[in-house]
Amino acid sequence: MWVGSSKRDLLAHSADVLYAAGRELERVQRGADPIDWKPMPSIGRGAREIRVHVDGELRVFYVATSPEAVYVLHVFDKKTRKTSPRDLAIGQRRYQSMSQGRMP
């Protein structure tokens, strides 16, 4: 399930990035961990970040704790070492919407 503009944001990238991110999301759908990921408790319980290292740095916040779907919360290019407060806030807001059954 794509939350907010996450699908549109991913589709704006090159074919190589789409392939790499799609491969990682497919692993998650099958119940495996992505190749490169980290937990993101600041986003919400069970939230994780996929790290894609193709044509720069892409990040995907997602939640895969519900049996019905993998929720992709936010897709963004990471330009600095630390995740920006803006991207964290978007992830948190979309997590809250998802957990309350409202998809923005």
Protein backbone atom coordinates (compact mmCIF):
# COMPACT_ATOMS: atom_id res chain seq x y z
CA MET A 1 0.00 0.00 0.00
CA TRP A 2 1.40 3.34 -1.04
CA VAL A 3 0.79 6.16 1.43
CA GLY A 4 0.68 9.78 0.31
CA SER A 5 2.89 10.58 -2.66
CA SER A 6 5.32 7.70 -2.03
CA LYS A 7 4.55 5.85 -5.27
CA ARG A 8 4.72 8.99 -7.39
CA ASP A 9 7.97 9.95 -5.67
CA LEU A 10 9.52 6.57 -6.45
CA LEU A 11 8.35 6.60 -10.08
CA ALA A 12 10.16 9.92 -10.61
CA HIS A 13 13.51 8.09 -10.42
CA SER A 14 15.56 6.30 -13.08
CA ALA A 15 14.86 2.74 -14.19
CA ASP A 16 17.92 1.52 -12.28
CA VAL A 17 16.65 3.04 -9.04
CA LEU A 18 13.15 1.66 -9.63
CA TYR A 19 14.58 -1.81 -10.20
CA ALA A 20 16.72 -1.72 -7.04
CA ALA A 21 13.94 -0.34 -4.84
CA GLY A 22 11.40 -2.75 -6.33
CA ARG A 23 13.69 -5.70 -5.65
CA GLU A 24 14.02 -4.64 -2.01
CA LEU A 25 10.25 -4.15 -1.59
CA GLU A 26 9.66 -7.57 -3.13
CA ARG A 27 11.97 -9.10 -0.50
CA VAL A 28 9.88 -7.40 2.19
CA GLN A 29 6.64 -8.72 0.66
CA ARG A 30 8.06 -12.25 0.81
CA GLY A 31 8.86 -11.79 4.51
CA ALA A 32 12.62 -11.29 4.13
CA ASP A 33 14.67 -8.31 5.23
CA PRO A 34 15.97 -5.87 2.63
CA ILE A 35 19.70 -6.06 1.87
CA ASP A 36 20.44 -2.71 3.54
CA TRP A 37 18.00 -1.38 6.13
CA LYS A 38 17.70 0.06 9.60
CA PRO A 39 14.90 0.39 12.13
CA MET A 40 13.24 3.79 12.35
CA PRO A 41 11.55 3.90 15.77
CA SER A 42 11.34 7.70 15.52
CA ILE A 43 8.79 7.19 12.71
CA GLY A 44 6.70 4.66 14.59
CA ARG A 45 6.61 1.13 15.93
CA GLY A 46 7.82 -1.35 13.31
CA ALA A 47 8.92 1.33 10.85
CA ARG A 48 12.07 0.65 8.85
CA GLU A 49 14.20 2.39 6.25
CA ILE A 50 15.45 0.72 3.08
CA ARG A 51 18.70 2.19 1.80
CA VAL A 52 19.15 2.14 -1.98
CA HIS A 53 22.62 3.09 -3.24
CA VAL A 54 21.98 3.60 -6.97
CA ASP A 55 22.36 6.98 -8.71
CA GLY A 56 22.82 8.65 -5.32
CA GLU A 57 21.06 7.71 -2.11
CA LEU A 58 17.37 6.83 -2.02
CA ARG A 59 15.50 6.01 1.18
CA VAL A 60 12.17 4.22 1.62
CA PHE A 61 10.32 4.32 4.94
CA TYR A 62 7.96 1.36 5.28
CA VAL A 63 6.03 -0.75 7.77
CA ALA A 64 5.54 -4.50 7.30
CA THR A 65 3.99 -5.50 10.62
CA SER A 66 0.44 -5.97 9.31
CA PRO A 67 -0.41 -9.24 7.56
CA GLU A 68 -2.58 -7.49 4.98
CA ALA A 69 0.05 -5.20 3.41
CA VAL A 70 3.44 -3.57 3.34
CA TYR A 71 2.88 0.16 3.82
CA VAL A 72 5.32 2.41 1.95
CA LEU A 73 5.24 5.65 3.90
CA HIS A 74 7.82 7.89 2.27
CA VAL A 75 10.36 7.78 -0.59
CA PHE A 76 13.03 10.45 -0.80
CA ASP A 77 16.57 11.25 -1.90
CA LYS A 78 18.97 11.55 0.99
CA LYS A 79 21.46 14.35 0.41
CA THR A 80 23.05 14.64 3.85
CA ARG A 81 24.44 12.26 6.46
CA LYS A 82 21.52 12.86 8.81
CA THR A 83 17.89 12.37 7.77
CA SER A 84 16.24 15.77 7.50
CA PRO A 85 13.60 16.79 10.04
CA ARG A 86 11.23 17.36 7.10
CA ASP A 87 11.53 13.75 5.89
CA LEU A 88 11.16 12.41 9.43
CA ALA A 89 8.02 14.54 9.94
CA ILE A 90 6.49 13.27 6.68
CA GLY A 91 7.18 9.67 7.74
CA GLN A 92 5.69 10.26 11.18
CA ARG A 93 2.58 11.96 9.78
CA ARG A 94 1.97 9.17 7.27
CA TYR A 95 2.57 6.52 9.94
CA GLN A 96 -0.10 8.14 12.10
CA SER A 97 -2.51 8.23 9.14
CA MET A 98 -1.81 4.56 8.41
CA SER A 99 -2.25 3.49 12.01
CA GLN A 100 -5.57 5.35 12.22
CA GLY A 101 -6.82 3.84 8.96
CA ARG A 102 -6.62 7.13 7.06
CA MET A 103 -4.42 7.20 4.00
CA PRO A 104 -3.50 10.71 2.84
